[in-house]
Amino acid sequence: MTAAASPASGIARPRAIHIHPMDDVAVATRALGTGEALVVDGERVTTLTEVPAGHKIALRDIAPGEPVTKYGFPIGIATEAIARGAWVHSHNLKTHLEGMVEYAYAPAPRTAEPSRAMPTFAGYRRADGRVGTRNEIWVLNTVGCVNFVAEGIARLSTERFRGAIDGVHAFGHPFGCSQLGDDLKNTQRILAGLMNHPNAGGVLVLGLGCENNQMDALLAMAGDVDRSRLRYFNTQDVVDEREAGLNAVAELVARMEGDRRVECPASDLVLGHKCGGSDGFSGISANPLVGRIADRLTALGGGVILTEVPEMFGAEQVLMNRAASREVYERIVAMVNDFKQYFIRHGQPIYENPSPGNKAGGLTTLEEKSLGAIQKGGHATVTRVLRYGERATTGGLSLLEAPGNDGISSTAMTASGATVLLFTTGRGTPLGFPAPTIKISSNSEIAERKPHWIDFNAGALLDGTVSAEQLADELFAYVLDVASGRTQTNNEKTGHREIAIWKEGVTL
């Protein structure tokens, strides 16, 4: 169902949703007034105050200091007495997370996904066996000093070579000069990952010449990149950098002349799953829907990447219990603890989340946000842990080290090899990234108000107009259409493509 689709007429949306039988709260699907009578799982509840859409209503009396449960897990503790029918939010609920946590290896029973016929898509198979969903030329730069030059080359090349390839795009950034240590390595890792990306049939790398991020070091980091599809030069070494860039792009276009889409199994797909601008519905509609796609694709042998490590805090044990082995479990523990130490080193609270927009949408604590966020991984087995900038090489669900920031985490998933991104949102965002970015709304209102942002509406699940399985069928078919180039995402149509790189340390 696309963003333009509206709820079927005559079907009443339930006014509140009780997610799990153990939950102490239900979620209002629309704004409720004081004194509204609801029937939740056969029990009558009357609202004691106004409750905004996406926010929580107490289903029982809760004493101060008692845990409050949602998704079947505690999401915090009550800071005061909460009466049945009361609005539950920041005024009476707080996080129960603090400090470091001791984890235990407790593998959960694995549920087998029903066997399905292998679907296919039309992709570009590269020499290393990976498959791209686009055949573009990407203009990358070692340093922010040549951003404008790179953009000019991409713009002129787009006009000159329109129709010959899927597009020419420049991805500027402010880094590469005055960087040291881990910051410089982070920049190099991300650029190297983009240089190796299967959606890039050709890559032009521009340097300045005097920056810390020297061209030779970056090329060494890129490793086994196909040099026949790579051109590079330092702009200080040529007379006319735009002319040199256009000539390099012309060579790449000629190299890509024989590239054709071929039928490929869905197991060749690598999806990146991300949420941004989440609301109280994200963990009920959009994220579980994307989780169904994760279950389907990984069962077929495809790959899914999940990141936003700080938005695993409070739900990390659930992911740990799905580790394929003790070794993978220990890698998850190390990644999570390393990220917590990152906050501690900088003197920042570990659990300073959700954002103001999340709270306005109904999310109160980090536990609540995280339990909803990890549903994007479905029930898939965690097969691998990737450090920042590391390439995904296997199927299954990979957990990637990156912060929750939308730009940094989405760029990181792309650099690790995601060829399509599934980005869920309840508040909406125009952001787009190098790989096609499918925006999936958690509610129908944002889909109808922002059709130029939203590609697919998961709000139909709240409206009761379609089953979760049927909507998953529709979304999976949409993903295959996007991967095959039959459909462009809104970020592609509007030209919203950018990258962001994680900066941790000192700038000279």
Protein backbone atom coordinates (compact mmCIF):
# COMPACT_ATOMS: atom_id res chain seq x y z
CA MET A 1 0.00 0.00 0.00
CA THR A 2 1.49 3.33 -1.01
CA ALA A 3 1.32 6.61 0.80
CA ALA A 4 -1.62 7.70 -1.35
CA ALA A 5 -3.80 4.85 -0.12
CA SER A 6 -6.40 5.79 2.48
CA PRO A 7 -8.12 3.66 5.11
CA ALA A 8 -11.09 1.79 3.73
CA SER A 9 -14.32 3.57 4.44
CA GLY A 10 -16.67 2.12 6.99
CA ILE A 11 -13.98 0.34 9.02
CA ALA A 12 -13.53 1.88 12.48
CA ARG A 13 -10.02 2.13 13.87
CA PRO A 14 -9.71 0.77 17.42
CA ARG A 15 -9.22 3.67 19.82
CA ALA A 16 -6.49 1.89 21.76
CA ILE A 17 -4.19 -1.07 21.11
CA HIS A 18 -3.00 -3.53 23.75
CA ILE A 19 0.24 -4.94 22.30
CA HIS A 20 1.09 -7.83 24.65
CA PRO A 21 -1.13 -9.68 27.19
CA MET A 22 1.32 -8.82 30.00
CA ASP A 23 1.31 -5.08 29.24
CA ASP A 24 0.16 -2.58 31.87
CA VAL A 25 -0.65 0.01 29.20
CA ALA A 26 -2.49 0.39 25.92
CA VAL A 27 -1.62 2.89 23.16
CA ALA A 28 -4.18 5.46 22.00
CA THR A 29 -4.57 5.34 18.21
CA ARG A 30 -6.14 8.81 18.18
CA ALA A 31 -6.36 11.71 20.61
CA LEU A 32 -8.71 10.82 23.46
CA GLY A 33 -10.69 13.21 25.65
CA THR A 34 -11.31 13.02 29.37
CA GLY A 35 -13.96 10.49 30.33
CA GLU A 36 -13.87 8.41 27.15
CA ALA A 37 -14.90 4.81 27.72
CA LEU A 38 -12.71 2.22 26.00
CA VAL A 39 -12.97 -1.53 25.80
CA VAL A 40 -9.50 -3.13 25.78
CA ASP A 41 -9.36 -6.92 25.58
CA GLY A 42 -12.91 -7.08 26.88
CA GLU A 43 -12.18 -4.80 29.86
CA ARG A 44 -13.76 -1.35 30.19
CA VAL A 45 -11.35 1.53 30.87
CA THR A 46 -12.33 5.19 31.21
CA THR A 47 -9.74 7.89 30.51
CA LEU A 48 -9.06 10.17 33.47
CA THR A 49 -7.39 12.89 31.37
CA GLU A 50 -6.82 13.78 27.76
CA VAL A 51 -4.39 11.35 26.06
CA PRO A 52 -2.60 12.35 22.82
CA ALA A 53 -2.46 9.93 19.89
CA GLY A 54 0.40 7.46 20.25
CA HIS A 55 0.57 7.86 24.02
CA LYS A 56 -0.06 5.32 26.76
CA ILE A 57 -3.10 4.68 28.99
CA ALA A 58 -2.80 2.73 32.25
CA LEU A 59 -4.86 -0.48 32.29
CA ARG A 60 -4.41 -1.04 36.04
CA ASP A 61 -3.49 0.90 39.16
CA ILE A 62 0.30 1.15 39.41
CA ALA A 63 2.08 2.04 42.66
CA PRO A 64 5.11 4.35 42.87
CA GLY A 65 8.32 2.43 42.12
CA GLU A 66 6.51 -0.37 40.29
CA PRO A 67 7.71 -1.39 36.80
CA VAL A 68 5.46 -0.54 33.86
CA THR A 69 5.30 -3.13 31.07
CA LYS A 70 4.90 -2.67 27.30
CA TYR A 71 5.82 -5.15 24.52
CA GLY A 72 5.85 -7.73 27.35
CA PHE A 73 8.93 -6.09 28.95
CA PRO A 74 9.47 -3.36 31.57
CA ILE A 75 9.84 0.09 29.99
CA GLY A 76 10.56 1.98 33.23
CA ILE A 77 9.23 2.59 36.72
CA ALA A 78 6.37 4.71 37.98
CA THR A 79 7.49 7.89 39.73
CA GLU A 80 4.09 8.37 41.39
CA ALA A 81 0.83 6.50 41.80
CA ILE A 82 -0.81 5.92 38.42
CA ALA A 83 -4.52 5.19 38.40
CA ARG A 84 -6.28 2.95 35.90
CA GLY A 85 -7.25 5.11 32.91
CA ALA A 86 -4.49 7.71 33.51
CA TRP A 87 -2.15 9.08 30.86
CA VAL A 88 1.30 7.48 31.29
CA HIS A 89 4.24 9.59 30.17
CA SER A 90 7.27 11.58 31.37
CA HIS A 91 5.35 13.13 34.29
CA ASN A 92 4.84 9.74 35.97
CA LEU A 93 7.27 7.30 34.32
CA LYS A 94 11.07 7.25 34.18
CA THR A 95 13.80 4.95 32.88
CA HIS A 96 15.08 2.18 35.12
CA LEU A 97 18.39 1.98 33.24
CA GLU A 98 21.62 3.09 34.87
CA GLY A 99 25.31 2.29 34.59
CA MET A 100 26.77 -0.85 33.07
CA VAL A 101 24.81 -4.11 32.92
CA GLU A 102 25.82 -7.72 33.45
CA TYR A 103 24.66 -9.94 30.60
CA ALA A 104 24.11 -13.68 30.38
CA TYR A 105 24.22 -16.05 27.43
CA ALA A 106 20.69 -17.46 27.22
CA PRO A 107 19.93 -18.59 23.66
CA ALA A 108 16.25 -18.29 22.80
CA PRO A 109 14.42 -21.03 20.90
CA ARG A 110 14.44 -20.27 17.19
CA THR A 111 11.26 -20.13 15.20
CA ALA A 112 11.46 -21.34 11.61
CA GLU A 113 10.12 -18.98 8.96
CA PRO A 114 7.69 -20.74 6.58
CA SER A 115 9.45 -21.93 3.43
CA ARG A 116 8.70 -19.80 0.38
CA ALA A 117 9.60 -19.90 -3.28
CA MET A 118 12.67 -17.79 -4.04
CA PRO A 119 11.53 -14.46 -5.51
CA THR A 120 13.80 -12.62 -7.93
CA PHE A 121 14.71 -9.07 -8.86
CA ALA A 122 16.64 -7.49 -11.72
CA GLY A 123 20.03 -6.35 -10.46
CA TYR A 124 23.57 -5.59 -11.59
CA ARG A 125 25.86 -8.49 -10.77
CA ARG A 126 29.40 -7.27 -10.12
CA ALA A 127 32.68 -9.09 -10.63
CA ASP A 128 32.93 -10.00 -6.93
CA GLY A 129 29.49 -11.67 -7.01
CA ARG A 130 27.62 -8.95 -5.14
CA VAL A 131 24.55 -7.42 -6.76
CA GLY A 132 23.71 -3.74 -7.09
CA THR A 133 20.23 -2.27 -7.35
CA ARG A 134 21.46 0.78 -9.29
CA ASN A 135 24.21 1.43 -11.85
CA GLU A 136 25.43 4.88 -10.91
CA ILE A 137 28.68 6.83 -10.81
CA TRP A 138 29.52 8.14 -7.36
CA VAL A 139 31.83 11.14 -6.95
CA LEU A 140 33.58 10.94 -3.59
CA ASN A 141 36.17 13.25 -2.09
CA THR A 142 38.99 12.77 0.36
CA VAL A 143 38.41 16.17 1.94
CA GLY A 144 35.67 18.77 2.34
CA CYS A 145 37.75 21.37 0.46
CA VAL A 146 36.69 19.88 -2.89
CA ASN A 147 32.98 19.40 -2.12
CA PHE A 148 31.92 22.15 -4.50
CA VAL A 149 34.18 20.83 -7.26
CA ALA A 150 32.71 17.32 -6.84
CA GLU A 151 29.17 18.69 -6.97
CA GLY A 152 29.94 20.63 -10.14
CA ILE A 153 31.40 17.58 -11.86
CA ALA A 154 28.37 15.48 -10.89
CA ARG A 155 25.94 18.14 -12.10
CA LEU A 156 27.63 18.60 -15.48
CA SER A 157 28.06 14.84 -15.91
CA THR A 158 24.38 14.26 -15.20
CA GLU A 159 23.47 16.57 -18.06
CA ARG A 160 26.08 15.17 -20.43
CA PHE A 161 25.46 11.46 -19.83
CA ARG A 162 21.74 11.46 -19.07
CA GLY A 163 20.20 8.11 -20.05
CA ALA A 164 23.51 6.28 -20.43
CA ILE A 165 23.61 5.21 -16.76
CA ASP A 166 21.30 5.50 -13.73
CA GLY A 167 22.87 8.75 -12.55
CA VAL A 168 25.95 10.63 -11.33
CA HIS A 169 25.93 11.72 -7.69
CA ALA A 170 28.40 13.54 -5.46
CA PHE A 171 28.52 12.86 -1.71
CA GLY A 172 30.24 15.71 0.06
CA HIS A 173 31.33 15.82 3.70
CA PRO A 174 33.29 18.28 5.89
CA PHE A 175 36.11 15.94 6.94
CA GLY A 176 39.48 14.61 5.74
CA CYS A 177 41.63 17.57 6.79
CA SER A 178 42.86 18.24 10.33
CA GLN A 179 41.75 14.77 11.43
CA LEU A 180 43.71 12.38 13.59
CA GLY A 181 43.41 8.84 14.93
CA ASP A 182 39.99 7.22 14.99
CA ASP A 183 38.30 10.19 13.33
CA LEU A 184 40.54 9.89 10.27
CA LYS A 185 40.07 6.13 10.18
CA ASN A 186 36.29 6.55 10.40
CA THR A 187 36.33 8.87 7.39
CA GLN A 188 38.52 6.46 5.44
CA ARG A 189 36.42 3.42 6.35
CA ILE A 190 33.19 5.01 5.18
CA LEU A 191 34.67 6.34 1.94
CA ALA A 192 36.32 2.97 1.26
CA GLY A 193 33.00 1.22 1.83
CA LEU A 194 31.26 3.55 -0.63
CA MET A 195 34.06 3.00 -3.18
CA ASN A 196 33.32 -0.75 -2.98
CA HIS A 197 29.54 -0.45 -3.11
CA PRO A 198 27.77 -2.58 -5.74
CA ASN A 199 25.34 0.24 -6.62
CA ALA A 200 28.32 2.23 -7.91
CA GLY A 201 29.20 0.97 -11.36
CA GLY A 202 31.94 3.57 -11.39
CA VAL A 203 33.61 5.79 -8.77
CA LEU A 204 35.55 9.01 -9.12
CA VAL A 205 37.57 10.07 -6.07
CA LEU A 206 38.74 13.66 -5.82
CA GLY A 207 41.48 14.79 -3.49
CA LEU A 208 43.03 18.16 -2.82
CA GLY A 209 46.59 16.94 -2.23
CA CYS A 210 47.68 18.35 1.14
CA GLU A 211 45.02 16.82 3.43
CA ASN A 212 45.51 14.30 6.23
CA ASN A 213 43.34 11.85 4.32
CA GLN A 214 45.92 11.15 1.64
CA MET A 215 44.75 9.45 -1.55
CA ASP A 216 47.24 6.56 -1.31
CA ALA A 217 46.12 5.68 2.22
CA LEU A 218 42.45 5.81 1.22
CA LEU A 219 43.04 3.56 -1.80
CA ALA A 220 44.90 1.10 0.42
CA MET A 221 41.93 1.09 2.82
CA ALA A 222 39.61 0.34 -0.12
CA GLY A 223 41.48 -2.92 -0.72
CA ASP A 224 40.24 -5.03 -3.60
CA VAL A 225 38.08 -2.36 -5.27
CA ASP A 226 37.71 -2.96 -9.03
CA ARG A 227 40.33 -0.53 -10.39
CA SER A 228 38.82 -0.64 -13.89
CA ARG A 229 35.78 1.13 -12.43
CA LEU A 230 37.77 3.64 -10.38
CA ARG A 231 39.29 6.99 -11.34
CA TYR A 232 41.03 9.38 -8.96
CA PHE A 233 43.24 12.46 -8.88
CA ASN A 234 44.29 15.33 -6.61
CA THR A 235 42.92 18.63 -7.82
CA GLN A 236 46.20 20.42 -6.99
CA ASP A 237 47.89 18.26 -9.62
CA VAL A 238 45.74 19.22 -12.64
CA VAL A 239 45.19 22.46 -14.50
CA ASP A 240 41.38 22.28 -14.80
CA GLU A 241 39.85 20.00 -12.20
CA ARG A 242 36.35 20.09 -13.75
CA GLU A 243 37.62 19.13 -17.17
CA ALA A 244 39.74 16.36 -15.66
CA GLY A 245 36.71 15.16 -13.70
CA LEU A 246 34.43 15.15 -16.75
CA ASN A 247 37.03 13.19 -18.72
CA ALA A 248 37.28 10.65 -15.90
CA VAL A 249 33.50 10.28 -15.76
CA ALA A 250 33.42 9.77 -19.55
CA GLU A 251 35.89 6.90 -19.15
CA LEU A 252 33.73 5.35 -16.44
CA VAL A 253 30.58 5.67 -18.54
CA ALA A 254 32.38 3.84 -21.36
CA ARG A 255 33.44 1.11 -18.91
CA MET A 256 29.82 0.71 -17.76
CA GLU A 257 28.40 0.57 -21.28
CA GLY A 258 27.88 -3.20 -21.21
CA ASP A 259 26.28 -3.31 -17.74
CA ARG A 260 22.81 -4.84 -17.81
CA ARG A 261 20.27 -5.88 -15.23
CA VAL A 262 19.98 -9.67 -14.88
CA GLU A 263 17.59 -11.86 -12.94
CA CYS A 264 18.93 -12.43 -9.42
CA PRO A 265 17.53 -14.32 -6.43
CA ALA A 266 16.28 -12.23 -3.53
CA SER A 267 19.04 -13.83 -1.45
CA ASP A 268 21.43 -11.42 -3.20
CA LEU A 269 19.75 -8.45 -1.52
CA VAL A 270 21.25 -6.67 1.48
CA LEU A 271 18.77 -4.38 3.24
CA GLY A 272 19.52 -1.76 5.87
CA HIS A 273 16.75 -1.27 8.44
CA LYS A 274 16.53 2.11 10.17
CA CYS A 275 14.03 4.19 12.15
CA GLY A 276 14.02 7.96 12.51
CA GLY A 277 11.51 10.37 13.97
CA SER A 278 9.78 7.50 15.76
CA ASP A 279 6.43 7.89 17.49
CA GLY A 280 4.26 5.77 19.74
CA PHE A 281 3.03 3.79 16.72
CA SER A 282 6.46 2.90 15.29
CA GLY A 283 6.85 -0.17 17.49
CA ILE A 284 3.29 -1.29 16.67
CA SER A 285 3.06 -0.86 12.90
CA ALA A 286 6.10 0.15 10.83
CA ASN A 287 8.92 -1.52 12.79
CA PRO A 288 7.22 -4.92 13.17
CA LEU A 289 6.29 -4.77 9.47
CA VAL A 290 9.92 -4.20 8.53
CA GLY A 291 10.80 -7.00 10.96
CA ARG A 292 8.64 -9.35 8.90
CA ILE A 293 10.71 -8.40 5.86
CA ALA A 294 13.88 -9.19 7.86
CA ASP A 295 12.50 -12.62 8.75
CA ARG A 296 11.53 -13.36 5.14
CA LEU A 297 14.75 -12.19 3.55
CA THR A 298 17.11 -13.86 6.02
CA ALA A 299 15.15 -17.12 5.72
CA LEU A 300 15.81 -16.93 1.97
CA GLY A 301 19.53 -16.41 2.60
CA GLY A 302 19.59 -12.64 2.11
CA GLY A 303 21.16 -10.10 4.43
CA VAL A 304 19.73 -7.44 6.75
CA ILE A 305 21.75 -4.85 8.66
CA LEU A 306 20.47 -3.34 11.92
CA THR A 307 22.32 -0.54 13.71
CA GLU A 308 21.65 2.40 16.10
CA VAL A 309 23.45 0.80 19.06
CA PRO A 310 22.27 3.36 21.69
CA GLU A 311 18.72 2.45 20.65
CA MET A 312 19.39 -1.14 21.59
CA PHE A 313 20.08 -0.15 25.23
CA GLY A 314 17.34 -1.63 27.37
CA ALA A 315 16.53 -4.27 24.74
CA GLU A 316 20.02 -5.59 23.99
CA GLN A 317 19.51 -8.85 25.89
CA VAL A 318 16.72 -9.77 23.46
CA LEU A 319 19.19 -9.48 20.57
CA MET A 320 21.90 -11.30 22.51
CA ASN A 321 19.53 -14.21 23.06
CA ARG A 322 19.18 -14.50 19.28
CA ALA A 323 22.94 -14.78 18.64
CA ALA A 324 23.90 -17.63 16.30
CA SER A 325 26.69 -18.71 18.67
CA ARG A 326 28.44 -17.80 21.91
CA GLU A 327 31.10 -16.02 19.85
CA VAL A 328 28.47 -13.79 18.21
CA TYR A 329 26.89 -13.19 21.64
CA GLU A 330 30.24 -12.05 23.06
CA ARG A 331 30.74 -9.72 20.10
CA ILE A 332 27.33 -8.14 20.76
CA VAL A 333 28.23 -7.65 24.43
CA ALA A 334 31.56 -6.06 23.46
CA MET A 335 29.91 -3.71 20.95
CA VAL A 336 27.22 -2.59 23.41
CA ASN A 337 29.68 -2.09 26.29
CA ASP A 338 32.15 -0.25 24.06
CA PHE A 339 29.37 2.15 23.07
CA LYS A 340 28.42 2.75 26.69
CA GLN A 341 32.08 3.48 27.48
CA TYR A 342 32.06 5.97 24.60
CA PHE A 343 29.36 7.96 26.44
CA ILE A 344 31.21 7.65 29.75
CA ARG A 345 34.51 8.88 28.21
CA HIS A 346 32.76 12.02 27.07
CA GLY A 347 31.05 12.55 30.41
CA GLN A 348 27.58 12.09 28.97
CA PRO A 349 24.64 10.11 30.41
CA ILE A 350 24.29 6.70 28.74
CA TYR A 351 20.52 6.77 28.65
CA GLU A 352 19.79 10.35 27.48
CA ASN A 353 17.12 9.29 24.99
CA PRO A 354 14.39 9.58 23.53
CA SER A 355 14.51 12.86 21.60
CA PRO A 356 11.97 15.68 22.04
CA GLY A 357 10.20 14.55 18.87
CA ASN A 358 10.02 10.96 20.13
CA LYS A 359 8.50 12.16 23.40
CA ALA A 360 5.94 14.31 21.61
CA GLY A 361 5.01 11.20 19.64
CA GLY A 362 4.42 9.15 22.78
CA LEU A 363 7.77 7.50 23.62
CA THR A 364 8.78 8.10 27.23
CA THR A 365 11.89 6.06 28.08
CA LEU A 366 14.84 4.53 26.26
CA GLU A 367 13.63 1.03 27.15
CA GLU A 368 10.33 1.75 25.39
CA LYS A 369 12.07 3.25 22.35
CA SER A 370 14.59 0.41 22.11
CA LEU A 371 12.03 -2.39 22.48
CA GLY A 372 10.13 -0.85 19.58
CA ALA A 373 13.25 -0.14 17.53
CA ILE A 374 14.72 -3.65 17.60
CA GLN A 375 11.54 -5.01 16.07
CA LYS A 376 12.97 -3.91 12.72
CA GLY A 377 15.13 -7.05 13.01
CA GLY A 378 12.09 -9.31 13.38
CA HIS A 379 12.96 -12.64 14.99
CA ALA A 380 15.96 -13.32 12.75
CA THR A 381 19.08 -14.96 14.14
CA VAL A 382 21.97 -12.53 14.64
CA THR A 383 24.74 -14.03 12.53
CA ARG A 384 27.38 -11.32 12.67
CA VAL A 385 28.53 -8.16 14.44
CA LEU A 386 30.11 -5.50 12.22
CA ARG A 387 32.31 -2.73 13.49
CA TYR A 388 31.91 0.74 11.98
CA GLY A 389 32.83 0.67 8.28
CA GLU A 390 33.14 -3.14 8.11
CA ARG A 391 31.57 -4.81 5.08
CA ALA A 392 28.68 -7.29 5.44
CA THR A 393 29.79 -10.55 3.82
CA THR A 394 27.17 -13.07 4.93
CA GLY A 395 23.41 -13.47 4.94
CA GLY A 396 21.37 -13.31 8.11
CA LEU A 397 20.94 -10.38 10.50
CA SER A 398 24.08 -8.31 11.09
CA LEU A 399 24.34 -5.80 13.94
CA LEU A 400 26.44 -2.80 12.93
CA GLU A 401 28.30 -0.45 15.27
CA ALA A 402 27.01 3.09 14.70
CA PRO A 403 25.14 5.76 16.67
CA GLY A 404 21.42 6.43 16.39
CA ASN A 405 21.85 9.62 14.36
CA ASP A 406 19.87 9.16 11.14
CA GLY A 407 22.56 10.39 8.75
CA ILE A 408 25.50 8.60 10.36
CA SER A 409 23.74 5.26 10.85
CA SER A 410 22.15 5.19 7.38
CA THR A 411 25.48 6.08 5.77
CA ALA A 412 27.17 3.36 7.82
CA MET A 413 24.70 0.72 6.63
CA THR A 414 25.23 1.80 3.03
CA ALA A 415 29.02 1.70 3.40
CA SER A 416 28.69 -1.81 4.85
CA GLY A 417 26.89 -2.93 1.69
CA ALA A 418 23.14 -2.26 2.06
CA THR A 419 21.76 -1.78 -1.44
CA VAL A 420 18.27 -0.65 -0.33
CA LEU A 421 17.35 1.06 2.96
CA LEU A 422 14.00 0.59 4.73
CA PHE A 423 13.53 3.68 6.89
CA THR A 424 10.53 3.80 9.24
CA THR A 425 9.22 7.07 10.62
CA GLY A 426 6.27 8.41 12.58
CA ARG A 427 7.17 12.08 12.40
CA GLY A 428 8.53 12.19 8.85
CA THR A 429 11.85 13.28 7.31
CA PRO A 430 13.02 14.16 3.78
CA LEU A 431 16.45 12.55 4.32
CA GLY A 432 17.86 10.24 1.68
CA PHE A 433 21.14 8.39 1.24
CA PRO A 434 23.28 6.90 -1.55
CA ALA A 435 21.20 3.69 -1.66
CA PRO A 436 17.47 3.93 -2.50
CA THR A 437 15.74 4.83 0.77
CA ILE A 438 12.17 3.54 1.23
CA LYS A 439 10.37 5.71 3.81
CA ILE A 440 7.72 3.73 5.67
CA SER A 441 5.23 5.66 7.81
CA SER A 442 3.94 4.31 11.10
CA ASN A 443 0.63 6.15 10.73
CA SER A 444 -1.63 7.12 7.84
CA GLU A 445 -1.74 10.81 8.78
CA ILE A 446 1.92 11.49 7.97
CA ALA A 447 1.64 9.39 4.78
CA GLU A 448 -1.28 11.49 3.56
CA ARG A 449 0.28 14.82 4.60
CA LYS A 450 3.77 14.09 3.20
CA PRO A 451 3.35 11.91 0.10
CA HIS A 452 6.59 13.39 -1.32
CA TRP A 453 8.47 11.96 1.70
CA ILE A 454 6.64 8.69 2.38
CA ASP A 455 6.88 5.73 0.00
CA PHE A 456 4.85 3.13 1.89
CA ASN A 457 2.18 3.41 4.59
CA ALA A 458 2.27 0.94 7.48
CA GLY A 459 -0.49 2.93 9.20
CA ALA A 460 -3.00 0.62 7.51
CA LEU A 461 -2.20 -1.83 10.31
CA LEU A 462 -3.61 0.66 12.83
CA ASP A 463 -6.63 1.34 10.66
CA GLY A 464 -7.52 -2.35 10.64
CA THR A 465 -7.85 -2.34 6.85
CA VAL A 466 -5.27 -5.03 6.10
CA SER A 467 -3.55 -7.93 7.86
CA ALA A 468 0.11 -7.78 8.84
CA GLU A 469 0.88 -10.70 6.51
CA GLN A 470 -0.85 -9.07 3.55
CA LEU A 471 0.92 -5.76 4.12
CA ALA A 472 4.26 -7.61 4.39
CA ASP A 473 3.51 -9.20 1.00
CA GLU A 474 2.91 -5.74 -0.46
CA LEU A 475 6.04 -4.25 1.09
CA PHE A 476 8.25 -7.14 -0.04
CA ALA A 477 6.91 -6.77 -3.59
CA TYR A 478 7.61 -3.02 -3.37
CA VAL A 479 11.19 -3.68 -2.22
CA LEU A 480 11.73 -5.98 -5.22
CA ASP A 481 10.32 -3.30 -7.56
CA VAL A 482 12.69 -0.70 -6.12
CA ALA A 483 15.64 -3.11 -6.26
CA SER A 484 14.83 -3.86 -9.91
CA GLY A 485 14.70 -0.18 -10.87
CA ARG A 486 11.01 -0.40 -11.81
CA THR A 487 10.20 2.07 -9.04
CA GLN A 488 12.14 5.08 -7.77
CA THR A 489 11.91 6.08 -4.13
CA ASN A 490 10.95 9.62 -3.18
CA ASN A 491 14.49 10.44 -2.13
CA GLU A 492 15.65 9.52 -5.64
CA LYS A 493 12.93 11.58 -7.31
CA THR A 494 13.67 14.66 -5.21
CA GLY A 495 17.46 14.25 -5.28
CA HIS A 496 17.75 13.95 -1.49
CA ARG A 497 21.02 12.02 -1.19
CA GLU A 498 23.75 12.67 1.34
CA ILE A 499 26.23 11.05 3.69
CA ALA A 500 27.31 11.72 7.27
CA ILE A 501 30.45 10.41 8.98
CA TRP A 502 30.90 9.65 12.68
CA LYS A 503 33.25 12.09 14.40
CA GLU A 504 34.51 11.01 17.81
CA GLY A 505 37.69 12.92 18.58
CA VAL A 506 39.99 15.89 18.15
CA THR A 507 40.13 18.32 15.20
CA LEU A 508 43.46 20.08 14.64
